[in-house]
Amino acid sequence: MEKYKDSDVELMSILLKLQEQTSPIRMSIGYTVGGTVRRGIILYEAAPKVIETLIEKGYTCDLNGCGMRVYKL
């Protein structure tokens, strides 16, 4: 089984710290598209400060039908 990338582990740690400082974050670790399981972190609900902080730290946020996918290039 493939492990999560270091950037995904770092992102989960950042989200945990941000949740303690702002409000609850509703997210998913992994998602499905057309019956295919995909890796990635999807945000469903998060305070604007969370998104601002992630962008400042170099993360990309893509809004799609599943929610907002967050990743580092």
Protein backbone atom coordinates (compact mmCIF):
# COMPACT_ATOMS: atom_id res chain seq x y z
CA MET A 1 0.00 0.00 0.00
CA GLU A 2 1.34 3.41 -0.98
CA LYS A 3 2.04 5.79 1.88
CA TYR A 4 0.88 9.37 2.01
CA LYS A 5 3.32 11.97 0.74
CA ASP A 6 5.19 14.08 3.29
CA SER A 7 3.30 17.13 2.04
CA ASP A 8 -0.04 15.41 2.86
CA VAL A 9 1.14 14.60 6.39
CA GLU A 10 2.36 18.20 6.78
CA LEU A 11 -1.01 19.49 5.53
CA MET A 12 -2.95 17.36 8.03
CA SER A 13 -0.77 18.71 10.83
CA ILE A 14 -1.33 22.30 9.68
CA LEU A 15 -5.10 21.73 9.47
CA LEU A 16 -5.17 20.33 13.01
CA LYS A 17 -3.35 23.40 14.36
CA LEU A 18 -5.60 25.77 12.38
CA GLN A 19 -8.71 24.04 13.70
CA GLU A 20 -7.53 24.72 17.25
CA GLN A 21 -7.14 28.44 16.39
CA THR A 22 -10.30 28.98 14.31
CA SER A 23 -13.38 26.79 14.07
CA PRO A 24 -14.06 23.14 13.23
CA ILE A 25 -12.86 22.00 9.81
CA ARG A 26 -14.91 19.37 7.99
CA MET A 27 -12.70 17.39 5.62
CA SER A 28 -12.09 14.07 3.94
CA ILE A 29 -8.85 12.15 3.56
CA GLY A 30 -9.42 10.56 0.17
CA TYR A 31 -12.46 10.80 -2.09
CA THR A 32 -14.19 9.02 -4.97
CA VAL A 33 -14.79 10.19 -8.54
CA GLY A 34 -16.96 8.02 -10.76
CA GLY A 35 -16.49 5.04 -8.46
CA THR A 36 -12.69 5.38 -8.41
CA VAL A 37 -10.98 6.03 -5.09
CA ARG A 38 -8.55 8.97 -5.18
CA ARG A 39 -5.92 10.21 -2.75
CA GLY A 40 -6.00 13.73 -1.48
CA ILE A 41 -7.43 16.00 1.14
CA ILE A 42 -10.79 17.61 0.49
CA LEU A 43 -12.17 20.45 2.62
CA TYR A 44 -15.95 20.70 2.92
CA GLU A 45 -16.15 23.46 5.54
CA ALA A 46 -13.38 25.71 6.81
CA ALA A 47 -13.03 29.27 8.05
CA PRO A 48 -11.64 31.77 5.50
CA LYS A 49 -8.52 32.13 7.66
CA VAL A 50 -7.73 28.46 7.01
CA ILE A 51 -7.73 28.94 3.23
CA GLU A 52 -5.67 32.14 3.49
CA THR A 53 -3.07 30.40 5.67
CA LEU A 54 -2.81 27.39 3.35
CA ILE A 55 -2.24 29.62 0.32
CA GLU A 56 0.41 31.60 2.23
CA LYS A 57 2.18 28.30 3.01
CA GLY A 58 2.30 27.40 -0.70
CA TYR A 59 -0.69 25.07 -1.00
CA THR A 60 -3.02 25.07 -4.01
CA CYS A 61 -6.78 24.98 -3.49
CA ASP A 62 -9.00 23.69 -6.32
CA LEU A 63 -12.76 23.84 -5.96
CA ASN A 64 -14.52 20.90 -7.61
CA GLY A 65 -17.73 18.89 -7.28
CA CYS A 66 -16.35 17.00 -4.26
CA GLY A 67 -15.27 20.09 -2.31
CA MET A 68 -12.00 22.01 -2.18
CA ARG A 69 -8.96 19.84 -2.90
CA VAL A 70 -5.81 21.06 -1.17
CA TYR A 71 -2.34 20.01 -2.29
CA LYS A 72 1.21 21.25 -2.74
CA LEU A 73 2.79 21.22 -6.20
